């Protein structure tokens, strides 16, 4: 079984041979971020596929935020490059939940939290504790938080 990190390295080699500058630079930066994460802390270690996915998700989020910032600054060419890099990274991430799927999971968590006695603003933390493990890697934290707030409010 090949690991996600090995897949990234193989794809980098393929991109370099094909002289695909955008893909190779994106994968190179992502592999550097993974290596940096591996040596962070007290001792070096090999990241699991789940941890590698977390790093890729962080890198993709950075690209989305940078694209928005470039758009606001009127730099459309730079924004387009950041979006293209984000799309390359998104291919390695699991398919994101639709809004309907997310709302179903949140509704179940809200019912579970209320059954446990969580009410009002304090319920937000209780619901998030239930929802987070279920949607890890499948939905952005901001989307999850917004869905929980809307269901608690209504």
N, C-alpha and C. Protein backbone atom coordinates (compact mmCIF):
# COMPACT_ATOMS: atom_id res chain seq x y z
N UNK A 1 0.84 -1.18 0.00
CA UNK A 1 0.00 0.00 0.00
C UNK A 1 0.88 1.24 0.00
N UNK A 2 0.62 2.12 -0.94
CA UNK A 2 1.43 3.33 -0.98
C UNK A 2 0.81 4.40 -0.11
N UNK A 3 1.66 5.18 0.47
CA UNK A 3 1.17 6.26 1.33
C UNK A 3 0.87 7.49 0.48
N UNK A 4 0.14 8.40 1.04
CA UNK A 4 -0.21 9.64 0.34
C UNK A 4 1.05 10.45 0.04
N UNK A 5 1.98 10.43 0.97
CA UNK A 5 3.24 11.17 0.75
C UNK A 5 4.00 10.59 -0.44
N UNK A 6 4.02 9.26 -0.56
CA UNK A 6 4.69 8.61 -1.69
C UNK A 6 3.98 8.96 -3.00
N UNK A 7 2.66 9.03 -2.95
CA UNK A 7 1.89 9.41 -4.13
C UNK A 7 2.24 10.83 -4.57
N UNK A 8 2.36 11.73 -3.59
CA UNK A 8 2.74 13.11 -3.90
C UNK A 8 4.12 13.16 -4.55
N UNK A 9 5.06 12.38 -4.03
CA UNK A 9 6.42 12.35 -4.60
C UNK A 9 6.40 11.81 -6.02
N UNK A 10 5.63 10.74 -6.24
CA UNK A 10 5.53 10.17 -7.59
C UNK A 10 4.91 11.17 -8.57
N UNK A 11 3.87 11.87 -8.10
CA UNK A 11 3.23 12.88 -8.95
C UNK A 11 4.16 14.04 -9.23
N UNK A 12 5.00 14.38 -8.26
CA UNK A 12 5.99 15.44 -8.47
C UNK A 12 6.97 15.04 -9.56
N UNK A 13 7.45 13.81 -9.50
CA UNK A 13 8.38 13.31 -10.51
C UNK A 13 7.73 13.35 -11.89
N UNK A 14 6.49 12.91 -11.98
CA UNK A 14 5.76 12.92 -13.25
C UNK A 14 5.60 14.35 -13.76
N UNK A 15 5.25 15.28 -12.88
CA UNK A 15 5.07 16.67 -13.27
C UNK A 15 6.38 17.29 -13.75
N UNK A 16 7.48 16.93 -13.09
CA UNK A 16 8.78 17.45 -13.49
C UNK A 16 9.17 16.94 -14.87
N UNK A 17 8.92 15.66 -15.13
CA UNK A 17 9.23 15.08 -16.44
C UNK A 17 8.38 15.71 -17.53
N UNK A 18 7.14 16.05 -17.18
CA UNK A 18 6.23 16.67 -18.15
C UNK A 18 6.47 18.18 -18.26
N UNK A 19 7.38 18.70 -17.46
CA UNK A 19 7.69 20.13 -17.41
C UNK A 19 6.45 20.97 -17.07
N UNK A 20 5.64 20.44 -16.17
CA UNK A 20 4.45 21.15 -15.69
C UNK A 20 4.88 21.98 -14.48
N UNK A 21 5.23 23.23 -14.76
CA UNK A 21 5.80 24.10 -13.72
C UNK A 21 4.84 24.34 -12.56
N UNK A 22 3.57 24.61 -12.86
CA UNK A 22 2.60 24.91 -11.80
C UNK A 22 2.42 23.72 -10.87
N UNK A 23 2.19 22.54 -11.45
CA UNK A 23 1.98 21.33 -10.64
C UNK A 23 3.24 20.98 -9.85
N UNK A 24 4.40 21.05 -10.48
CA UNK A 24 5.62 20.66 -9.78
C UNK A 24 5.95 21.63 -8.64
N UNK A 25 5.76 22.93 -8.86
CA UNK A 25 6.06 23.88 -7.78
C UNK A 25 5.06 23.72 -6.64
N UNK A 26 3.79 23.47 -6.96
CA UNK A 26 2.77 23.28 -5.92
C UNK A 26 3.08 22.04 -5.10
N UNK A 27 3.39 20.94 -5.77
CA UNK A 27 3.69 19.70 -5.05
C UNK A 27 4.99 19.82 -4.25
N UNK A 28 5.95 20.53 -4.80
CA UNK A 28 7.22 20.73 -4.09
C UNK A 28 6.98 21.50 -2.78
N UNK A 29 6.18 22.57 -2.85
CA UNK A 29 5.88 23.36 -1.65
C UNK A 29 5.09 22.54 -0.63
N UNK A 30 4.18 21.71 -1.11
CA UNK A 30 3.39 20.87 -0.22
C UNK A 30 4.27 19.83 0.47
N UNK A 31 5.15 19.21 -0.28
CA UNK A 31 6.06 18.22 0.32
C UNK A 31 7.00 18.88 1.32
N UNK A 32 7.38 20.12 1.07
CA UNK A 32 8.21 20.86 2.02
C UNK A 32 7.43 21.12 3.31
N UNK A 33 6.15 21.48 3.18
CA UNK A 33 5.30 21.70 4.36
C UNK A 33 5.15 20.41 5.16
N UNK A 34 5.03 19.28 4.46
CA UNK A 34 4.93 17.98 5.13
C UNK A 34 6.22 17.68 5.88
N UNK A 35 7.36 17.90 5.21
CA UNK A 35 8.66 17.64 5.84
C UNK A 35 8.85 18.53 7.06
N UNK A 36 8.43 19.77 6.95
CA UNK A 36 8.53 20.71 8.08
C UNK A 36 7.71 20.22 9.26
N UNK A 37 6.51 19.71 8.98
CA UNK A 37 5.63 19.19 10.03
C UNK A 37 6.25 17.94 10.67
N UNK A 38 6.95 17.14 9.87
CA UNK A 38 7.55 15.91 10.38
C UNK A 38 8.68 16.20 11.38
N UNK A 39 9.38 17.28 11.19
CA UNK A 39 10.49 17.58 12.10
C UNK A 39 10.11 18.56 13.20
N UNK A 40 8.86 19.02 13.19
CA UNK A 40 8.39 19.92 14.25
C UNK A 40 8.21 19.11 15.54
N UNK A 41 8.44 19.75 16.64
CA UNK A 41 8.28 19.07 17.92
C UNK A 41 9.61 18.59 18.46
N UNK A 42 9.55 17.69 19.43
CA UNK A 42 10.77 17.25 20.11
C UNK A 42 11.56 16.23 19.31
N UNK A 43 10.85 15.39 18.51
CA UNK A 43 11.58 14.41 17.71
C UNK A 43 10.94 14.27 16.34
N UNK A 44 11.77 13.91 15.36
CA UNK A 44 11.27 13.74 14.00
C UNK A 44 10.45 12.46 13.92
N UNK A 45 9.43 12.49 13.07
CA UNK A 45 8.58 11.33 12.92
C UNK A 45 7.99 11.31 11.52
N UNK A 46 7.47 10.17 11.12
CA UNK A 46 6.80 10.02 9.83
C UNK A 46 5.32 10.33 10.04
N UNK A 47 4.75 11.20 9.22
CA UNK A 47 3.34 11.54 9.36
C UNK A 47 2.45 10.44 8.80
N UNK A 48 1.31 10.23 9.43
CA UNK A 48 0.33 9.27 8.91
C UNK A 48 -0.40 9.92 7.73
N UNK A 49 -1.16 9.14 6.99
CA UNK A 49 -1.92 9.69 5.87
C UNK A 49 -2.91 10.75 6.34
N UNK A 50 -3.52 10.55 7.52
CA UNK A 50 -4.47 11.53 8.04
C UNK A 50 -3.76 12.86 8.33
N UNK A 51 -2.56 12.78 8.89
CA UNK A 51 -1.80 14.00 9.19
C UNK A 51 -1.35 14.68 7.90
N UNK A 52 -1.00 13.89 6.88
CA UNK A 52 -0.61 14.46 5.59
C UNK A 52 -1.82 15.16 4.96
N UNK A 53 -2.99 14.55 5.08
CA UNK A 53 -4.22 15.18 4.58
C UNK A 53 -4.47 16.52 5.27
N UNK A 54 -4.20 16.57 6.56
CA UNK A 54 -4.37 17.82 7.31
C UNK A 54 -3.44 18.90 6.76
N UNK A 55 -2.20 18.54 6.48
CA UNK A 55 -1.23 19.50 5.93
C UNK A 55 -1.69 19.96 4.55
N UNK A 56 -2.15 19.03 3.71
CA UNK A 56 -2.62 19.40 2.38
C UNK A 56 -3.82 20.33 2.48
N UNK A 57 -4.73 20.05 3.41
CA UNK A 57 -5.91 20.90 3.60
C UNK A 57 -5.49 22.31 4.02
N UNK A 58 -4.49 22.41 4.91
CA UNK A 58 -4.00 23.73 5.34
C UNK A 58 -3.41 24.48 4.14
N UNK A 59 -2.64 23.78 3.32
CA UNK A 59 -2.02 24.41 2.16
C UNK A 59 -3.09 24.88 1.17
N UNK A 60 -4.13 24.06 0.96
CA UNK A 60 -5.21 24.44 0.05
C UNK A 60 -5.95 25.67 0.58
N UNK A 61 -6.16 25.70 1.89
CA UNK A 61 -6.85 26.84 2.50
C UNK A 61 -6.00 28.11 2.33
N UNK A 62 -4.69 28.00 2.49
CA UNK A 62 -3.81 29.15 2.29
C UNK A 62 -3.97 29.69 0.87
N UNK A 63 -4.08 28.77 -0.10
CA UNK A 63 -4.22 29.20 -1.50
C UNK A 63 -5.55 29.94 -1.71
N UNK A 64 -6.63 29.42 -1.11
CA UNK A 64 -7.94 30.09 -1.26
C UNK A 64 -7.90 31.49 -0.66
N UNK A 65 -7.32 31.60 0.55
CA UNK A 65 -7.24 32.90 1.21
C UNK A 65 -6.37 33.87 0.44
N UNK A 66 -5.26 33.38 -0.11
CA UNK A 66 -4.38 34.25 -0.90
C UNK A 66 -5.09 34.71 -2.17
N UNK A 67 -5.85 33.82 -2.80
CA UNK A 67 -6.59 34.19 -4.01
C UNK A 67 -7.59 35.30 -3.71
N UNK A 68 -8.29 35.19 -2.57
CA UNK A 68 -9.24 36.23 -2.18
C UNK A 68 -8.53 37.56 -1.95
N UNK A 69 -7.38 37.49 -1.28
CA UNK A 69 -6.62 38.72 -1.00
C UNK A 69 -6.14 39.35 -2.31
N UNK A 70 -5.67 38.54 -3.25
CA UNK A 70 -5.23 39.09 -4.54
C UNK A 70 -6.39 39.69 -5.30
N UNK A 71 -7.56 39.04 -5.24
CA UNK A 71 -8.75 39.59 -5.90
C UNK A 71 -9.09 40.96 -5.34
N UNK A 72 -9.06 41.09 -4.02
CA UNK A 72 -9.38 42.37 -3.38
C UNK A 72 -8.36 43.44 -3.74
N UNK A 73 -7.13 42.99 -3.97
CA UNK A 73 -6.08 43.94 -4.33
C UNK A 73 -6.02 44.22 -5.82
N UNK A 74 -6.90 43.59 -6.60
CA UNK A 74 -6.92 43.84 -8.03
C UNK A 74 -5.86 43.08 -8.81
N UNK A 75 -5.27 42.07 -8.21
CA UNK A 75 -4.21 41.31 -8.89
C UNK A 75 -4.81 39.98 -9.38
N UNK A 76 -5.56 40.05 -10.46
CA UNK A 76 -6.30 38.88 -10.95
C UNK A 76 -5.39 37.76 -11.43
N UNK A 77 -4.24 38.10 -12.01
CA UNK A 77 -3.33 37.06 -12.50
C UNK A 77 -2.78 36.22 -11.34
N UNK A 78 -2.38 36.88 -10.26
CA UNK A 78 -1.88 36.17 -9.08
C UNK A 78 -2.99 35.36 -8.43
N UNK A 79 -4.20 35.91 -8.41
CA UNK A 79 -5.35 35.19 -7.84
C UNK A 79 -5.63 33.93 -8.64
N UNK A 80 -5.55 34.02 -9.95
CA UNK A 80 -5.81 32.85 -10.80
C UNK A 80 -4.76 31.76 -10.55
N UNK A 81 -3.50 32.16 -10.36
CA UNK A 81 -2.44 31.19 -10.08
C UNK A 81 -2.69 30.49 -8.74
N UNK A 82 -3.08 31.25 -7.73
CA UNK A 82 -3.36 30.66 -6.41
C UNK A 82 -4.54 29.69 -6.50
N UNK A 83 -5.57 30.06 -7.26
CA UNK A 83 -6.73 29.17 -7.43
C UNK A 83 -6.33 27.87 -8.12
N UNK A 84 -5.48 27.99 -9.15
CA UNK A 84 -5.02 26.81 -9.88
C UNK A 84 -4.23 25.88 -8.95
N UNK A 85 -3.39 26.46 -8.10
CA UNK A 85 -2.64 25.65 -7.13
C UNK A 85 -3.60 24.98 -6.15
N UNK A 86 -4.62 25.71 -5.71
CA UNK A 86 -5.62 25.15 -4.80
C UNK A 86 -6.35 23.97 -5.42
N UNK A 87 -6.67 24.07 -6.72
CA UNK A 87 -7.36 22.98 -7.41
C UNK A 87 -6.47 21.74 -7.49
N UNK A 88 -5.19 21.95 -7.69
CA UNK A 88 -4.25 20.80 -7.73
C UNK A 88 -4.28 20.09 -6.38
N UNK A 89 -4.22 20.87 -5.29
CA UNK A 89 -4.22 20.28 -3.95
C UNK A 89 -5.57 19.64 -3.61
N UNK A 90 -6.67 20.25 -4.07
CA UNK A 90 -7.99 19.70 -3.79
C UNK A 90 -8.16 18.29 -4.34
N UNK A 91 -7.43 17.97 -5.41
CA UNK A 91 -7.53 16.63 -6.00
C UNK A 91 -7.04 15.55 -5.03
N UNK A 92 -6.20 15.92 -4.07
CA UNK A 92 -5.67 14.95 -3.10
C UNK A 92 -6.54 14.84 -1.85
N UNK A 93 -7.49 15.76 -1.70
CA UNK A 93 -8.35 15.77 -0.52
C UNK A 93 -9.61 14.96 -0.77
N UNK A 94 -10.20 14.41 0.30
CA UNK A 94 -11.47 13.71 0.11
C UNK A 94 -12.56 14.68 -0.35
N UNK A 95 -13.57 14.14 -1.02
CA UNK A 95 -14.68 14.95 -1.52
C UNK A 95 -15.36 15.64 -0.34
N UNK A 96 -15.60 16.94 -0.48
CA UNK A 96 -16.22 17.73 0.59
C UNK A 96 -17.72 17.42 0.69
N UNK A 97 -18.25 17.53 1.90
CA UNK A 97 -19.68 17.31 2.12
C UNK A 97 -20.48 18.43 1.47
N UNK A 98 -21.66 18.09 0.95
CA UNK A 98 -22.55 19.12 0.44
C UNK A 98 -23.19 19.81 1.64
N UNK A 99 -23.83 20.94 1.41
CA UNK A 99 -24.50 21.66 2.50
C UNK A 99 -25.60 20.80 3.12
N UNK A 100 -26.33 20.07 2.28
CA UNK A 100 -27.41 19.21 2.79
C UNK A 100 -26.85 18.11 3.69
N UNK A 101 -25.77 17.45 3.25
CA UNK A 101 -25.16 16.39 4.05
C UNK A 101 -24.65 16.94 5.38
N UNK A 102 -24.02 18.10 5.32
CA UNK A 102 -23.50 18.74 6.53
C UNK A 102 -24.64 19.09 7.49
N UNK A 103 -25.73 19.63 6.95
CA UNK A 103 -26.86 20.01 7.80
C UNK A 103 -27.48 18.80 8.49
N UNK A 104 -27.50 17.64 7.83
CA UNK A 104 -28.05 16.42 8.44
C UNK A 104 -27.17 16.01 9.63
N UNK A 105 -25.86 16.02 9.44
CA UNK A 105 -24.93 15.64 10.52
C UNK A 105 -25.06 16.62 11.69
N UNK A 106 -25.14 17.92 11.37
CA UNK A 106 -25.26 18.93 12.42
C UNK A 106 -26.58 18.78 13.17
N UNK A 107 -27.67 18.51 12.45
CA UNK A 107 -28.98 18.34 13.09
C UNK A 107 -28.95 17.18 14.08
N UNK A 108 -28.31 16.07 13.68
CA UNK A 108 -28.19 14.92 14.59
C UNK A 108 -27.39 15.30 15.83
N UNK A 109 -26.30 16.05 15.63
CA UNK A 109 -25.45 16.45 16.75
C UNK A 109 -26.18 17.41 17.68
N UNK A 110 -26.98 18.32 17.11
CA UNK A 110 -27.75 19.26 17.93
C UNK A 110 -28.75 18.49 18.80
N UNK A 111 -29.42 17.52 18.19
CA UNK A 111 -30.39 16.70 18.94
C UNK A 111 -29.68 15.93 20.05
N UNK A 112 -28.51 15.38 19.73
CA UNK A 112 -27.74 14.62 20.72
C UNK A 112 -27.29 15.52 21.87
N UNK A 113 -26.83 16.74 21.56
CA UNK A 113 -26.37 17.67 22.59
C UNK A 113 -27.52 18.14 23.46
N UNK A 114 -28.66 18.40 22.85
CA UNK A 114 -29.82 18.84 23.63
C UNK A 114 -30.33 17.71 24.52
N UNK A 115 -30.23 16.47 24.05
CA UNK A 115 -30.62 15.32 24.87
C UNK A 115 -29.71 15.20 26.08
N UNK A 116 -28.45 15.64 25.92
CA UNK A 116 -27.49 15.59 27.02
C UNK A 116 -27.62 16.81 27.93
N UNK A 117 -28.53 17.73 27.59
CA UNK A 117 -28.78 18.86 28.47
C UNK A 117 -28.14 20.16 28.07
N UNK A 118 -27.49 20.22 26.91
CA UNK A 118 -26.85 21.47 26.47
C UNK A 118 -27.91 22.40 25.90
N UNK A 119 -27.94 23.64 26.38
CA UNK A 119 -28.92 24.63 25.93
C UNK A 119 -28.23 25.96 25.69
N UNK A 120 -28.80 26.77 24.82
CA UNK A 120 -28.33 28.13 24.58
C UNK A 120 -26.93 28.19 23.98
N UNK A 121 -26.21 29.27 24.28
CA UNK A 121 -24.87 29.46 23.70
C UNK A 121 -23.88 28.36 24.08
N UNK A 122 -24.09 27.77 25.25
CA UNK A 122 -23.18 26.70 25.69
C UNK A 122 -23.30 25.48 24.81
N UNK A 123 -24.42 25.33 24.13
CA UNK A 123 -24.64 24.18 23.26
C UNK A 123 -23.67 24.19 22.08
N UNK A 124 -23.21 25.35 21.66
CA UNK A 124 -22.30 25.46 20.51
C UNK A 124 -21.07 24.58 20.70
N UNK A 125 -20.42 24.70 21.85
CA UNK A 125 -19.23 23.89 22.12
C UNK A 125 -19.55 22.41 22.16
N UNK A 126 -20.65 22.05 22.80
CA UNK A 126 -21.04 20.65 22.90
C UNK A 126 -21.33 20.06 21.52
N UNK A 127 -22.03 20.82 20.69
CA UNK A 127 -22.36 20.35 19.34
C UNK A 127 -21.09 20.22 18.50
N UNK A 128 -20.21 21.20 18.60
CA UNK A 128 -18.96 21.16 17.82
C UNK A 128 -18.11 19.94 18.20
N UNK A 129 -18.10 19.58 19.49
CA UNK A 129 -17.35 18.39 19.93
C UNK A 129 -17.89 17.13 19.28
N UNK A 130 -19.20 17.09 19.07
CA UNK A 130 -19.82 15.92 18.45
C UNK A 130 -19.59 15.92 16.93
N UNK A 131 -19.70 17.10 16.32
CA UNK A 131 -19.63 17.20 14.86
C UNK A 131 -18.21 17.06 14.32
N UNK A 132 -17.25 17.70 14.97
CA UNK A 132 -15.87 17.75 14.45
C UNK A 132 -15.32 16.40 14.01
N UNK A 133 -15.36 15.36 14.87
CA UNK A 133 -14.79 14.08 14.43
C UNK A 133 -15.52 13.48 13.22
N UNK A 134 -16.81 13.75 13.12
CA UNK A 134 -17.61 13.18 12.03
C UNK A 134 -17.30 13.82 10.68
N UNK A 135 -16.91 15.09 10.69
CA UNK A 135 -16.69 15.80 9.43
C UNK A 135 -15.23 16.17 9.19
N UNK A 136 -14.33 15.63 10.01
CA UNK A 136 -12.91 15.96 9.87
C UNK A 136 -12.43 15.70 8.45
N UNK A 137 -11.91 16.74 7.82
CA UNK A 137 -11.39 16.61 6.47
C UNK A 137 -12.46 16.65 5.38
N UNK A 138 -13.73 16.63 5.77
CA UNK A 138 -14.81 16.60 4.78
C UNK A 138 -15.53 17.94 4.66
N UNK A 139 -15.29 18.85 5.60
CA UNK A 139 -15.91 20.17 5.54
C UNK A 139 -15.02 21.17 6.26
N UNK A 140 -14.95 22.38 5.71
CA UNK A 140 -14.16 23.45 6.30
C UNK A 140 -14.76 23.86 7.64
N UNK A 141 -13.91 24.17 8.61
CA UNK A 141 -14.36 24.54 9.95
C UNK A 141 -15.34 25.71 9.96
N UNK A 142 -15.13 26.68 9.08
CA UNK A 142 -16.03 27.83 9.01
C UNK A 142 -17.43 27.43 8.58
N UNK A 143 -17.50 26.51 7.61
CA UNK A 143 -18.82 26.02 7.16
C UNK A 143 -19.52 25.27 8.27
N UNK A 144 -18.76 24.44 9.01
CA UNK A 144 -19.34 23.67 10.10
C UNK A 144 -19.87 24.60 11.18
N UNK A 145 -19.07 25.56 11.56
CA UNK A 145 -19.46 26.53 12.59
C UNK A 145 -20.71 27.29 12.18
N UNK A 146 -20.78 27.74 10.94
CA UNK A 146 -21.95 28.47 10.45
C UNK A 146 -23.20 27.60 10.47
N UNK A 147 -23.05 26.32 10.10
CA UNK A 147 -24.19 25.41 10.10
C UNK A 147 -24.70 25.17 11.52
N UNK A 148 -23.76 25.01 12.46
CA UNK A 148 -24.15 24.79 13.86
C UNK A 148 -24.88 26.03 14.40
N UNK A 149 -24.33 27.22 14.14
CA UNK A 149 -24.95 28.47 14.61
C UNK A 149 -26.35 28.62 14.06
N UNK A 150 -26.52 28.35 12.77
CA UNK A 150 -27.84 28.54 12.15
C UNK A 150 -28.86 27.56 12.71
N UNK A 151 -28.42 26.32 12.99
CA UNK A 151 -29.37 25.34 13.53
C UNK A 151 -29.70 25.62 15.00
N UNK A 152 -28.73 26.14 15.74
CA UNK A 152 -29.00 26.48 17.14
C UNK A 152 -29.91 27.71 17.24
N UNK A 153 -29.76 28.62 16.28
CA UNK A 153 -30.58 29.84 16.27
C UNK A 153 -32.01 29.55 15.83
N UNK A 154 -32.15 28.62 14.89
CA UNK A 154 -33.49 28.38 14.34
C UNK A 154 -33.97 27.07 14.77
